[in-house]
Amino acid sequence: MSKQKYYVVWVGRQPGIYITWADAQAQVNGYSDAKYKSFTNLAQANEAFKTGWEAFYGKKVALTTLPPEVIADSVSVDAACDGSPGNLEYRGVETKSGVELFHKGPIDNGTNNLGEFIAIVHALSLLKKQGKTSPIYSDSRTALAWVKNKRIGSQLPRTLDTTEVWSLADRALQWLESNDYSNPLLKWDTEAWGEIRADFGRK
């Protein structure tokens, strides 16, 4: 049985603390630039709500000049997970501007690699709909290999608690098996270039 979680919504239709993800999701789904996060106890949630989202979302990745070897007209993706498994989020941004293109989560009992995998495929699907062949950057060598091989190597058990993340991963795999793409999938060189533009800034 999954543990009780408390969902803090700082920016949404009705900011507050919610005890079910369904209630919290109703406040943030489709809401522009919503800010929310889950916590494992009510005291933490209350403190976080009073403190404000800035302390938990971290600073935005500084939009310094891109290294010349980075392709500016591209999408960068990243995932953040507070455990393994843990609360998972992923997102994609325009590499040049840092503008967020999509953001999903929190997803219960996920892993970072699964989040990175789903994020890459989300970006592929989005770019295909837009008719673009822009490259996609990820800092996860593992997730890039899973996408290229059309095979998920995660050891995360399939249980009732991991249903949501596996459903998203299976859908992503199904998309790969049903679609062709010509977008280059590129490894972001964190050591040389700094954090990827989609980084959540919560390390």
N, C-alpha and C. Protein backbone atom coordinates (compact mmCIF):
# COMPACT_ATOMS: atom_id res chain seq x y z
N MET A 1 0.85 -1.20 0.00
CA MET A 1 0.00 0.00 0.00
C MET A 1 0.88 1.25 0.00
N SER A 2 0.57 2.21 -0.85
CA SER A 2 1.40 3.41 -0.94
C SER A 2 1.18 4.30 0.27
N LYS A 3 2.24 5.03 0.66
CA LYS A 3 2.17 5.91 1.81
C LYS A 3 1.32 7.13 1.50
N GLN A 4 0.71 7.69 2.56
CA GLN A 4 -0.06 8.93 2.42
C GLN A 4 0.89 10.06 2.01
N LYS A 5 0.47 10.83 1.05
CA LYS A 5 1.26 11.99 0.63
C LYS A 5 0.39 13.23 0.72
N TYR A 6 1.07 14.36 0.86
CA TYR A 6 0.39 15.65 0.94
C TYR A 6 0.91 16.51 -0.20
N TYR A 7 0.00 17.04 -0.99
CA TYR A 7 0.37 17.76 -2.21
C TYR A 7 0.18 19.26 -2.00
N VAL A 8 1.30 19.97 -2.07
CA VAL A 8 1.27 21.42 -1.92
C VAL A 8 1.14 22.06 -3.30
N VAL A 9 0.13 22.89 -3.45
CA VAL A 9 -0.05 23.66 -4.69
C VAL A 9 0.19 25.13 -4.35
N TRP A 10 1.33 25.65 -4.81
CA TRP A 10 1.64 27.06 -4.58
C TRP A 10 0.98 27.95 -5.63
N VAL A 11 1.08 27.52 -6.88
CA VAL A 11 0.50 28.28 -7.99
C VAL A 11 -0.42 27.36 -8.76
N GLY A 12 -1.72 27.65 -8.75
CA GLY A 12 -2.70 26.82 -9.42
C GLY A 12 -4.07 27.47 -9.30
N ARG A 13 -5.10 26.73 -9.68
CA ARG A 13 -6.45 27.31 -9.61
C ARG A 13 -6.81 27.69 -8.17
N GLN A 14 -6.51 26.80 -7.23
CA GLN A 14 -6.81 27.06 -5.82
C GLN A 14 -5.60 26.61 -5.00
N PRO A 15 -4.65 27.51 -4.70
CA PRO A 15 -3.48 27.13 -3.92
C PRO A 15 -3.88 26.54 -2.57
N GLY A 16 -3.10 25.59 -2.10
CA GLY A 16 -3.39 24.96 -0.82
C GLY A 16 -2.69 23.62 -0.70
N ILE A 17 -3.11 22.84 0.30
CA ILE A 17 -2.54 21.51 0.54
C ILE A 17 -3.65 20.48 0.33
N TYR A 18 -3.36 19.48 -0.47
CA TYR A 18 -4.34 18.45 -0.83
C TYR A 18 -3.85 17.08 -0.41
N ILE A 19 -4.79 16.21 -0.03
CA ILE A 19 -4.38 14.89 0.45
C ILE A 19 -4.50 13.81 -0.61
N THR A 20 -5.04 14.15 -1.78
CA THR A 20 -5.05 13.18 -2.89
C THR A 20 -4.47 13.85 -4.12
N TRP A 21 -3.78 13.04 -4.94
CA TRP A 21 -3.20 13.57 -6.17
C TRP A 21 -4.30 14.02 -7.13
N ALA A 22 -5.43 13.33 -7.12
CA ALA A 22 -6.54 13.71 -8.01
C ALA A 22 -7.00 15.13 -7.72
N ASP A 23 -7.12 15.47 -6.44
CA ASP A 23 -7.55 16.83 -6.06
C ASP A 23 -6.49 17.87 -6.45
N ALA A 24 -5.23 17.53 -6.20
CA ALA A 24 -4.15 18.45 -6.53
C ALA A 24 -4.04 18.64 -8.04
N GLN A 25 -4.18 17.52 -8.76
CA GLN A 25 -4.06 17.55 -10.22
C GLN A 25 -5.12 18.46 -10.84
N ALA A 26 -6.30 18.47 -10.23
CA ALA A 26 -7.38 19.33 -10.74
C ALA A 26 -7.01 20.81 -10.65
N GLN A 27 -6.12 21.14 -9.72
CA GLN A 27 -5.71 22.54 -9.55
C GLN A 27 -4.60 22.96 -10.51
N VAL A 28 -3.83 21.98 -11.01
CA VAL A 28 -2.63 22.33 -11.79
C VAL A 28 -2.68 21.92 -13.25
N ASN A 29 -3.50 20.91 -13.58
CA ASN A 29 -3.55 20.46 -14.98
C ASN A 29 -4.03 21.58 -15.90
N GLY A 30 -3.24 21.89 -16.90
CA GLY A 30 -3.61 22.92 -17.85
C GLY A 30 -3.46 24.34 -17.34
N TYR A 31 -2.94 24.47 -16.10
CA TYR A 31 -2.74 25.81 -15.52
C TYR A 31 -1.33 26.28 -15.86
N SER A 32 -1.23 27.42 -16.50
CA SER A 32 0.07 27.92 -16.97
C SER A 32 1.04 28.14 -15.81
N ASP A 33 2.21 27.49 -15.92
CA ASP A 33 3.31 27.65 -14.97
C ASP A 33 2.91 27.30 -13.53
N ALA A 34 2.13 26.23 -13.39
CA ALA A 34 1.72 25.77 -12.05
C ALA A 34 2.95 25.34 -11.25
N LYS A 35 2.88 25.52 -9.94
CA LYS A 35 3.98 25.14 -9.05
C LYS A 35 3.41 24.24 -7.96
N TYR A 36 3.94 23.02 -7.84
CA TYR A 36 3.41 22.06 -6.88
C TYR A 36 4.45 21.00 -6.57
N LYS A 37 4.28 20.34 -5.43
CA LYS A 37 5.21 19.28 -5.02
C LYS A 37 4.55 18.44 -3.93
N SER A 38 4.93 17.16 -3.87
CA SER A 38 4.36 16.28 -2.84
C SER A 38 5.32 16.12 -1.66
N PHE A 39 4.73 15.88 -0.49
CA PHE A 39 5.51 15.68 0.74
C PHE A 39 4.94 14.48 1.49
N THR A 40 5.78 13.89 2.34
CA THR A 40 5.36 12.65 3.02
C THR A 40 4.67 12.89 4.35
N ASN A 41 4.72 14.12 4.88
CA ASN A 41 3.94 14.38 6.10
C ASN A 41 3.39 15.80 6.08
N LEU A 42 2.36 15.99 6.88
CA LEU A 42 1.61 17.25 6.87
C LEU A 42 2.44 18.43 7.37
N ALA A 43 3.30 18.17 8.36
CA ALA A 43 4.13 19.25 8.90
C ALA A 43 5.05 19.81 7.82
N GLN A 44 5.67 18.91 7.06
CA GLN A 44 6.53 19.34 5.95
C GLN A 44 5.74 20.14 4.93
N ALA A 45 4.55 19.64 4.61
CA ALA A 45 3.71 20.30 3.61
C ALA A 45 3.32 21.71 4.06
N ASN A 46 2.93 21.85 5.34
CA ASN A 46 2.55 23.16 5.87
C ASN A 46 3.72 24.14 5.81
N GLU A 47 4.89 23.65 6.21
CA GLU A 47 6.08 24.49 6.21
C GLU A 47 6.44 24.92 4.79
N ALA A 48 6.34 23.95 3.86
CA ALA A 48 6.67 24.24 2.46
C ALA A 48 5.70 25.26 1.86
N PHE A 49 4.42 25.12 2.20
CA PHE A 49 3.41 26.04 1.67
C PHE A 49 3.70 27.47 2.13
N LYS A 50 4.10 27.60 3.41
CA LYS A 50 4.41 28.92 3.96
C LYS A 50 5.70 29.49 3.36
N THR A 51 6.66 28.60 3.12
CA THR A 51 7.97 29.03 2.63
C THR A 51 7.90 29.55 1.20
N GLY A 52 7.08 28.88 0.37
CA GLY A 52 6.96 29.30 -1.03
C GLY A 52 7.70 28.37 -1.98
N TRP A 53 7.25 28.35 -3.22
CA TRP A 53 7.77 27.39 -4.20
C TRP A 53 9.22 27.63 -4.57
N GLU A 54 9.69 28.88 -4.45
CA GLU A 54 11.05 29.20 -4.90
C GLU A 54 12.10 28.35 -4.20
N ALA A 55 11.85 28.02 -2.94
CA ALA A 55 12.83 27.24 -2.17
C ALA A 55 12.93 25.80 -2.65
N PHE A 56 11.90 25.32 -3.35
CA PHE A 56 11.86 23.92 -3.76
C PHE A 56 12.13 23.73 -5.25
N TYR A 57 11.82 24.72 -6.03
CA TYR A 57 12.07 24.61 -7.46
C TYR A 57 13.50 25.00 -7.81
N GLY A 58 14.19 25.66 -6.89
CA GLY A 58 15.57 26.03 -7.16
C GLY A 58 15.65 27.16 -8.17
N LYS A 59 16.86 27.57 -8.43
CA LYS A 59 17.06 28.65 -9.39
C LYS A 59 17.01 28.10 -10.80
N LYS A 60 16.52 28.91 -11.71
CA LYS A 60 16.53 28.50 -13.11
C LYS A 60 17.96 28.38 -13.59
N VAL A 61 18.16 27.47 -14.53
CA VAL A 61 19.49 27.33 -15.11
C VAL A 61 19.84 28.66 -15.78
N ALA A 62 21.00 29.18 -15.42
CA ALA A 62 21.40 30.46 -15.99
C ALA A 62 21.56 30.33 -17.50
N LEU A 63 20.92 31.23 -18.21
CA LEU A 63 20.97 31.16 -19.67
C LEU A 63 22.22 31.87 -20.18
N THR A 64 23.35 31.26 -19.89
CA THR A 64 24.60 31.77 -20.41
C THR A 64 24.68 31.42 -21.89
N THR A 65 25.65 31.99 -22.56
CA THR A 65 25.82 31.70 -23.98
C THR A 65 26.09 30.22 -24.16
N LEU A 66 25.40 29.62 -25.10
CA LEU A 66 25.60 28.20 -25.36
C LEU A 66 26.99 27.96 -25.94
N PRO A 67 27.64 26.87 -25.56
CA PRO A 67 28.91 26.51 -26.19
C PRO A 67 28.69 26.34 -27.70
N PRO A 68 29.68 26.67 -28.51
CA PRO A 68 29.50 26.61 -29.96
C PRO A 68 29.14 25.23 -30.49
N GLU A 69 29.55 24.18 -29.76
CA GLU A 69 29.26 22.82 -30.23
C GLU A 69 27.83 22.36 -29.94
N VAL A 70 27.11 23.11 -29.12
CA VAL A 70 25.71 22.77 -28.82
C VAL A 70 24.81 23.32 -29.93
N ILE A 71 23.90 22.48 -30.41
CA ILE A 71 22.95 22.91 -31.45
C ILE A 71 21.82 23.68 -30.77
N ALA A 72 21.75 24.97 -31.03
CA ALA A 72 20.79 25.84 -30.33
C ALA A 72 19.35 25.50 -30.67
N ASP A 73 19.07 25.19 -31.92
CA ASP A 73 17.71 24.86 -32.34
C ASP A 73 17.43 23.40 -32.00
N SER A 74 17.16 23.15 -30.73
CA SER A 74 16.99 21.79 -30.23
C SER A 74 16.11 21.81 -28.99
N VAL A 75 15.78 20.62 -28.50
CA VAL A 75 15.01 20.47 -27.27
C VAL A 75 15.89 19.74 -26.26
N SER A 76 15.88 20.20 -25.02
CA SER A 76 16.60 19.52 -23.94
C SER A 76 15.59 18.98 -22.93
N VAL A 77 15.82 17.76 -22.45
CA VAL A 77 14.90 17.15 -21.49
C VAL A 77 15.65 16.75 -20.23
N ASP A 78 14.92 16.65 -19.14
CA ASP A 78 15.52 16.21 -17.88
C ASP A 78 14.43 15.65 -16.98
N ALA A 79 14.85 14.83 -16.03
CA ALA A 79 13.93 14.28 -15.03
C ALA A 79 14.51 14.54 -13.65
N ALA A 80 13.64 14.61 -12.66
CA ALA A 80 14.05 14.77 -11.26
C ALA A 80 13.26 13.78 -10.43
N CYS A 81 13.95 13.06 -9.55
CA CYS A 81 13.30 12.05 -8.72
C CYS A 81 13.89 12.13 -7.32
N ASP A 82 13.03 12.21 -6.30
CA ASP A 82 13.54 12.39 -4.94
C ASP A 82 13.84 11.08 -4.22
N GLY A 83 13.94 10.00 -4.96
CA GLY A 83 14.30 8.69 -4.41
C GLY A 83 14.33 7.70 -5.54
N SER A 84 14.61 6.45 -5.22
CA SER A 84 14.59 5.42 -6.26
C SER A 84 13.99 4.14 -5.70
N PRO A 85 12.65 3.98 -5.78
CA PRO A 85 11.73 4.90 -6.46
C PRO A 85 11.36 6.10 -5.59
N GLY A 86 10.77 7.10 -6.25
CA GLY A 86 10.36 8.30 -5.54
C GLY A 86 9.43 9.13 -6.39
N ASN A 87 9.16 10.36 -5.94
CA ASN A 87 8.31 11.28 -6.70
C ASN A 87 9.08 11.76 -7.93
N LEU A 88 8.53 11.51 -9.08
CA LEU A 88 9.21 11.77 -10.35
C LEU A 88 8.55 12.92 -11.11
N GLU A 89 9.37 13.75 -11.70
CA GLU A 89 8.91 14.78 -12.64
C GLU A 89 9.82 14.77 -13.85
N TYR A 90 9.30 15.19 -14.98
CA TYR A 90 10.17 15.38 -16.14
C TYR A 90 9.68 16.58 -16.93
N ARG A 91 10.56 17.13 -17.73
CA ARG A 91 10.16 18.26 -18.57
C ARG A 91 11.08 18.40 -19.78
N GLY A 92 10.62 19.22 -20.74
CA GLY A 92 11.41 19.53 -21.91
C GLY A 92 11.39 21.03 -22.14
N VAL A 93 12.52 21.58 -22.57
CA VAL A 93 12.62 23.02 -22.81
C VAL A 93 13.30 23.28 -24.15
N GLU A 94 13.08 24.48 -24.68
CA GLU A 94 13.86 24.91 -25.83
C GLU A 94 15.29 25.16 -25.35
N THR A 95 16.25 24.53 -26.00
CA THR A 95 17.64 24.66 -25.54
C THR A 95 18.12 26.10 -25.59
N LYS A 96 17.77 26.81 -26.63
CA LYS A 96 18.27 28.18 -26.81
C LYS A 96 17.69 29.14 -25.78
N SER A 97 16.38 29.08 -25.56
CA SER A 97 15.71 30.08 -24.72
C SER A 97 15.43 29.62 -23.30
N GLY A 98 15.40 28.30 -23.08
CA GLY A 98 15.01 27.77 -21.77
C GLY A 98 13.51 27.74 -21.56
N VAL A 99 12.73 28.13 -22.56
CA VAL A 99 11.27 28.13 -22.44
C VAL A 99 10.76 26.69 -22.30
N GLU A 100 9.91 26.47 -21.29
CA GLU A 100 9.39 25.12 -21.03
C GLU A 100 8.35 24.74 -22.08
N LEU A 101 8.52 23.55 -22.65
CA LEU A 101 7.60 23.04 -23.66
C LEU A 101 6.59 22.06 -23.07
N PHE A 102 7.02 21.29 -22.09
CA PHE A 102 6.12 20.37 -21.39
C PHE A 102 6.70 20.04 -20.03
N HIS A 103 5.81 19.63 -19.11
CA HIS A 103 6.21 19.31 -17.73
C HIS A 103 5.18 18.33 -17.18
N LYS A 104 5.64 17.21 -16.69
CA LYS A 104 4.74 16.18 -16.16
C LYS A 104 5.21 15.77 -14.77
N GLY A 105 4.25 15.60 -13.86
CA GLY A 105 4.57 15.13 -12.53
C GLY A 105 3.94 16.02 -11.47
N PRO A 106 4.00 15.59 -10.19
CA PRO A 106 4.74 14.42 -9.72
C PRO A 106 4.04 13.10 -10.04
N ILE A 107 4.87 12.09 -10.34
CA ILE A 107 4.42 10.74 -10.61
C ILE A 107 4.95 9.86 -9.48
N ASP A 108 4.08 9.15 -8.80
CA ASP A 108 4.50 8.33 -7.66
C ASP A 108 5.39 7.18 -8.07
N ASN A 109 6.37 6.88 -7.21
CA ASN A 109 7.18 5.66 -7.32
C ASN A 109 7.83 5.48 -8.69
N GLY A 110 8.43 6.54 -9.19
CA GLY A 110 9.15 6.46 -10.45
C GLY A 110 10.65 6.39 -10.23
N THR A 111 11.40 6.32 -11.32
CA THR A 111 12.86 6.37 -11.25
C THR A 111 13.36 7.41 -12.26
N ASN A 112 14.56 7.89 -12.03
CA ASN A 112 15.11 8.92 -12.89
C ASN A 112 15.25 8.44 -14.34
N ASN A 113 15.75 7.21 -14.51
CA ASN A 113 15.95 6.69 -15.87
C ASN A 113 14.63 6.56 -16.63
N LEU A 114 13.60 6.08 -15.94
CA LEU A 114 12.29 5.98 -16.60
C LEU A 114 11.78 7.36 -16.98
N GLY A 115 11.97 8.33 -16.09
CA GLY A 115 11.54 9.70 -16.38
C GLY A 115 12.27 10.28 -17.58
N GLU A 116 13.58 10.05 -17.65
CA GLU A 116 14.37 10.54 -18.78
C GLU A 116 13.91 9.88 -20.09
N PHE A 117 13.64 8.58 -20.02
CA PHE A 117 13.17 7.84 -21.20
C PHE A 117 11.84 8.40 -21.70
N ILE A 118 10.89 8.56 -20.78
CA ILE A 118 9.57 9.07 -21.15
C ILE A 118 9.69 10.49 -21.71
N ALA A 119 10.57 11.30 -21.10
CA ALA A 119 10.75 12.68 -21.55
C ALA A 119 11.29 12.76 -22.98
N ILE A 120 12.24 11.89 -23.31
CA ILE A 120 12.80 11.89 -24.67
C ILE A 120 11.70 11.56 -25.68
N VAL A 121 10.90 10.54 -25.36
CA VAL A 121 9.84 10.14 -26.29
C VAL A 121 8.75 11.21 -26.37
N HIS A 122 8.46 11.85 -25.24
CA HIS A 122 7.50 12.97 -25.24
C HIS A 122 7.98 14.05 -26.21
N ALA A 123 9.27 14.36 -26.15
CA ALA A 123 9.84 15.37 -27.04
C ALA A 123 9.77 14.92 -28.50
N LEU A 124 10.08 13.65 -28.75
CA LEU A 124 9.99 13.12 -30.12
C LEU A 124 8.57 13.25 -30.67
N SER A 125 7.60 12.88 -29.84
CA SER A 125 6.19 12.94 -30.25
C SER A 125 5.77 14.38 -30.54
N LEU A 126 6.17 15.30 -29.65
CA LEU A 126 5.82 16.71 -29.83
C LEU A 126 6.43 17.27 -31.12
N LEU A 127 7.70 16.98 -31.35
CA LEU A 127 8.38 17.49 -32.54
C LEU A 127 7.80 16.89 -33.81
N LYS A 128 7.41 15.62 -33.74
CA LYS A 128 6.81 14.99 -34.92
C LYS A 128 5.49 15.67 -35.27
N LYS A 129 4.68 15.98 -34.25
CA LYS A 129 3.41 16.67 -34.50
C LYS A 129 3.65 18.04 -35.13
N GLN A 130 4.77 18.66 -34.77
CA GLN A 130 5.10 19.99 -35.29
C GLN A 130 5.85 19.92 -36.62
N GLY A 131 6.16 18.70 -37.07
CA GLY A 131 6.88 18.53 -38.33
C GLY A 131 8.33 18.97 -38.25
N LYS A 132 8.92 18.88 -37.05
CA LYS A 132 10.31 19.33 -36.86
C LYS A 132 11.24 18.14 -36.65
N THR A 133 12.46 18.28 -37.15
CA THR A 133 13.47 17.23 -36.97
C THR A 133 14.61 17.72 -36.08
N SER A 134 14.30 18.65 -35.18
CA SER A 134 15.31 19.21 -34.27
C SER A 134 15.92 18.13 -33.40
N PRO A 135 17.19 18.27 -33.05
CA PRO A 135 17.83 17.31 -32.14
C PRO A 135 17.23 17.39 -30.74
N ILE A 136 17.41 16.31 -29.98
CA ILE A 136 16.98 16.26 -28.58
C ILE A 136 18.19 15.91 -27.73
N TYR A 137 18.42 16.73 -26.70
CA TYR A 137 19.52 16.48 -25.77
C TYR A 137 18.99 15.86 -24.48
N SER A 138 19.74 14.88 -23.96
CA SER A 138 19.48 14.30 -22.64
C SER A 138 20.83 14.05 -21.99
N ASP A 139 20.88 14.19 -20.66
CA ASP A 139 22.14 13.89 -19.98
C ASP A 139 22.18 12.45 -19.47
N SER A 140 21.19 11.65 -19.86
CA SER A 140 21.11 10.25 -19.44
C SER A 140 21.52 9.30 -20.57
N ARG A 141 22.72 8.76 -20.47
CA ARG A 141 23.19 7.79 -21.47
C ARG A 141 22.27 6.56 -21.48
N THR A 142 21.81 6.17 -20.29
CA THR A 142 20.94 4.99 -20.17
C THR A 142 19.64 5.19 -20.94
N ALA A 143 18.96 6.31 -20.69
CA ALA A 143 17.68 6.57 -21.35
C ALA A 143 17.84 6.70 -22.86
N LEU A 144 18.92 7.33 -23.30
CA LEU A 144 19.17 7.45 -24.75
C LEU A 144 19.31 6.07 -25.38
N ALA A 145 19.99 5.16 -24.68
CA ALA A 145 20.16 3.80 -25.19
C ALA A 145 18.83 3.07 -25.24
N TRP A 146 17.99 3.25 -24.21
CA TRP A 146 16.68 2.60 -24.20
C TRP A 146 15.84 3.06 -25.39
N VAL A 147 15.88 4.35 -25.68
CA VAL A 147 15.10 4.88 -26.81
C VAL A 147 15.63 4.32 -28.12
N LYS A 148 16.94 4.38 -28.30
CA LYS A 148 17.53 3.92 -29.57
C LYS A 148 17.31 2.43 -29.80
N ASN A 149 17.35 1.66 -28.69
CA ASN A 149 17.16 0.20 -28.80
C ASN A 149 15.70 -0.22 -28.71
N LYS A 150 14.82 0.74 -28.43
CA LYS A 150 13.39 0.45 -28.24
C LYS A 150 13.20 -0.66 -27.20
N ARG A 151 13.92 -0.51 -26.10
CA ARG A 151 13.87 -1.52 -25.03
C ARG A 151 14.14 -0.84 -23.69
N ILE A 152 13.24 -1.07 -22.72
CA ILE A 152 13.39 -0.49 -21.39
C ILE A 152 14.11 -1.49 -20.49
N GLY A 153 15.22 -1.06 -19.91
CA GLY A 153 16.01 -1.96 -19.06
C GLY A 153 15.80 -1.74 -17.58
N SER A 154 14.72 -1.08 -17.19
CA SER A 154 14.49 -0.77 -15.78
C SER A 154 14.21 -2.02 -14.95
N GLN A 155 14.73 -2.02 -13.73
CA GLN A 155 14.47 -3.11 -12.78
C GLN A 155 13.31 -2.77 -11.83
N LEU A 156 12.65 -1.65 -12.06
CA LEU A 156 11.54 -1.25 -11.18
C LEU A 156 10.41 -2.27 -11.28
N PRO A 157 10.00 -2.87 -10.14
CA PRO A 157 8.93 -3.88 -10.20
C PRO A 157 7.61 -3.27 -10.69
N ARG A 158 6.85 -4.09 -11.39
CA ARG A 158 5.50 -3.67 -11.82
C ARG A 158 4.52 -4.05 -10.71
N THR A 159 4.12 -3.06 -9.94
CA THR A 159 3.18 -3.27 -8.84
C THR A 159 2.07 -2.24 -8.95
N LEU A 160 1.10 -2.35 -8.04
CA LEU A 160 0.01 -1.37 -8.02
C LEU A 160 0.56 0.04 -7.81
N ASP A 161 1.62 0.15 -6.99
CA ASP A 161 2.19 1.46 -6.68
C ASP A 161 2.95 2.08 -7.85
N THR A 162 3.38 1.24 -8.81
CA THR A 162 4.16 1.77 -9.94
C THR A 162 3.36 1.78 -11.24
N THR A 163 2.05 1.64 -11.10
CA THR A 163 1.19 1.56 -12.30
C THR A 163 1.31 2.79 -13.19
N GLU A 164 1.31 3.98 -12.58
CA GLU A 164 1.29 5.21 -13.39
C GLU A 164 2.57 5.35 -14.22
N VAL A 165 3.73 5.17 -13.57
CA VAL A 165 4.98 5.38 -14.30
C VAL A 165 5.17 4.32 -15.38
N TRP A 166 4.76 3.07 -15.08
CA TRP A 166 4.90 2.02 -16.09
C TRP A 166 3.91 2.22 -17.24
N SER A 167 2.75 2.76 -16.94
CA SER A 167 1.78 3.05 -18.00
C SER A 167 2.36 4.08 -18.97
N LEU A 168 3.00 5.12 -18.43
CA LEU A 168 3.61 6.15 -19.27
C LEU A 168 4.79 5.58 -20.07
N ALA A 169 5.59 4.74 -19.41
CA ALA A 169 6.75 4.14 -20.08
C ALA A 169 6.31 3.19 -21.19
N ASP A 170 5.27 2.40 -20.92
CA ASP A 170 4.76 1.47 -21.94
C ASP A 170 4.18 2.22 -23.13
N ARG A 171 3.49 3.33 -22.85
CA ARG A 171 2.95 4.14 -23.94
C ARG A 171 4.07 4.74 -24.78
N ALA A 172 5.14 5.16 -24.11
CA ALA A 172 6.29 5.71 -24.83
C ALA A 172 6.93 4.65 -25.72
N LEU A 173 7.06 3.44 -25.18
CA LEU A 173 7.64 2.34 -25.96
C LEU A 173 6.76 2.01 -27.16
N GLN A 174 5.46 2.01 -26.93
CA GLN A 174 4.51 1.74 -28.02
C GLN A 174 4.64 2.81 -29.11
N TRP A 175 4.85 4.07 -28.70
CA TRP A 175 5.02 5.14 -29.68
C TRP A 175 6.27 4.88 -30.53
N LEU A 176 7.35 4.47 -29.89
CA LEU A 176 8.60 4.20 -30.61
C LEU A 176 8.42 3.07 -31.62
N GLU A 177 7.64 2.06 -31.22
CA GLU A 177 7.44 0.91 -32.10
C GLU A 177 6.52 1.24 -33.28
N SER A 178 5.74 2.30 -33.13
CA SER A 178 4.75 2.65 -34.16
C SER A 178 5.14 3.85 -35.02
N ASN A 179 6.23 4.52 -34.67
CA ASN A 179 6.61 5.75 -35.37
C ASN A 179 8.08 5.76 -35.77
N ASP A 180 8.35 6.38 -36.89
CA ASP A 180 9.73 6.64 -37.31
C ASP A 180 10.06 8.09 -36.97
N TYR A 181 11.33 8.37 -36.76
CA TYR A 181 11.75 9.74 -36.51
C TYR A 181 13.17 9.92 -37.04
N SER A 182 13.51 11.16 -37.38
CA SER A 182 14.86 11.44 -37.87
C SER A 182 15.59 12.44 -36.97
N ASN A 183 15.00 12.74 -35.82
CA ASN A 183 15.64 13.67 -34.88
C ASN A 183 16.90 13.04 -34.29
N PRO A 184 18.04 13.70 -34.35
CA PRO A 184 19.23 13.18 -33.68
C PRO A 184 19.02 13.18 -32.16
N LEU A 185 19.39 12.09 -31.51
CA LEU A 185 19.32 12.00 -30.05
C LEU A 185 20.74 12.16 -29.52
N LEU A 186 20.98 13.23 -28.78
CA LEU A 186 22.34 13.60 -28.42
C LEU A 186 22.57 13.61 -26.91
N LYS A 187 23.77 13.20 -26.51
CA LYS A 187 24.14 13.20 -25.09
C LYS A 187 24.64 14.59 -24.70
N TRP A 188 24.00 15.16 -23.68
CA TRP A 188 24.45 16.45 -23.17
C TRP A 188 25.70 16.23 -22.32
N ASP A 189 26.76 16.97 -22.60
CA ASP A 189 28.03 16.82 -21.89
C ASP A 189 28.05 17.77 -20.69
N THR A 190 27.54 17.28 -19.56
CA THR A 190 27.41 18.11 -18.36
C THR A 190 28.76 18.63 -17.89
N GLU A 191 29.78 17.78 -17.95
CA GLU A 191 31.11 18.17 -17.47
C GLU A 191 31.66 19.35 -18.26
N ALA A 192 31.43 19.34 -19.55
CA ALA A 192 31.98 20.40 -20.42
C ALA A 192 31.07 21.61 -20.51
N TRP A 193 29.74 21.40 -20.46
CA TRP A 193 28.79 22.47 -20.76
C TRP A 193 28.00 22.96 -19.55
N GLY A 194 28.13 22.32 -18.40
CA GLY A 194 27.30 22.66 -17.26
C GLY A 194 25.98 21.90 -17.31
N GLU A 195 25.07 22.22 -16.38
CA GLU A 195 23.80 21.49 -16.31
C GLU A 195 22.98 21.71 -17.58
N ILE A 196 22.27 20.66 -17.97
CA ILE A 196 21.40 20.73 -19.14
C ILE A 196 20.34 21.80 -18.92
N ARG A 197 19.89 22.43 -19.99
CA ARG A 197 18.95 23.55 -19.87
C ARG A 197 17.63 23.18 -19.20
N ALA A 198 17.26 21.91 -19.26
CA ALA A 198 16.00 21.47 -18.65
C ALA A 198 16.16 21.10 -17.17
N ASP A 199 17.35 21.24 -16.63
CA ASP A 199 17.63 20.82 -15.26
C ASP A 199 16.66 21.47 -14.27
N PHE A 200 16.21 20.69 -13.28
CA PHE A 200 15.25 21.20 -12.30
C PHE A 200 15.93 22.02 -11.20
N GLY A 201 17.24 21.97 -11.12
CA GLY A 201 17.95 22.77 -10.12
C GLY A 201 17.68 22.36 -8.70
N ARG A 202 17.48 21.04 -8.47
CA ARG A 202 17.17 20.58 -7.10
C ARG A 202 18.22 19.64 -6.55
N LYS A 203 19.39 19.60 -7.12
CA LYS A 203 20.42 18.66 -6.66
C LYS A 203 20.96 19.11 -5.31
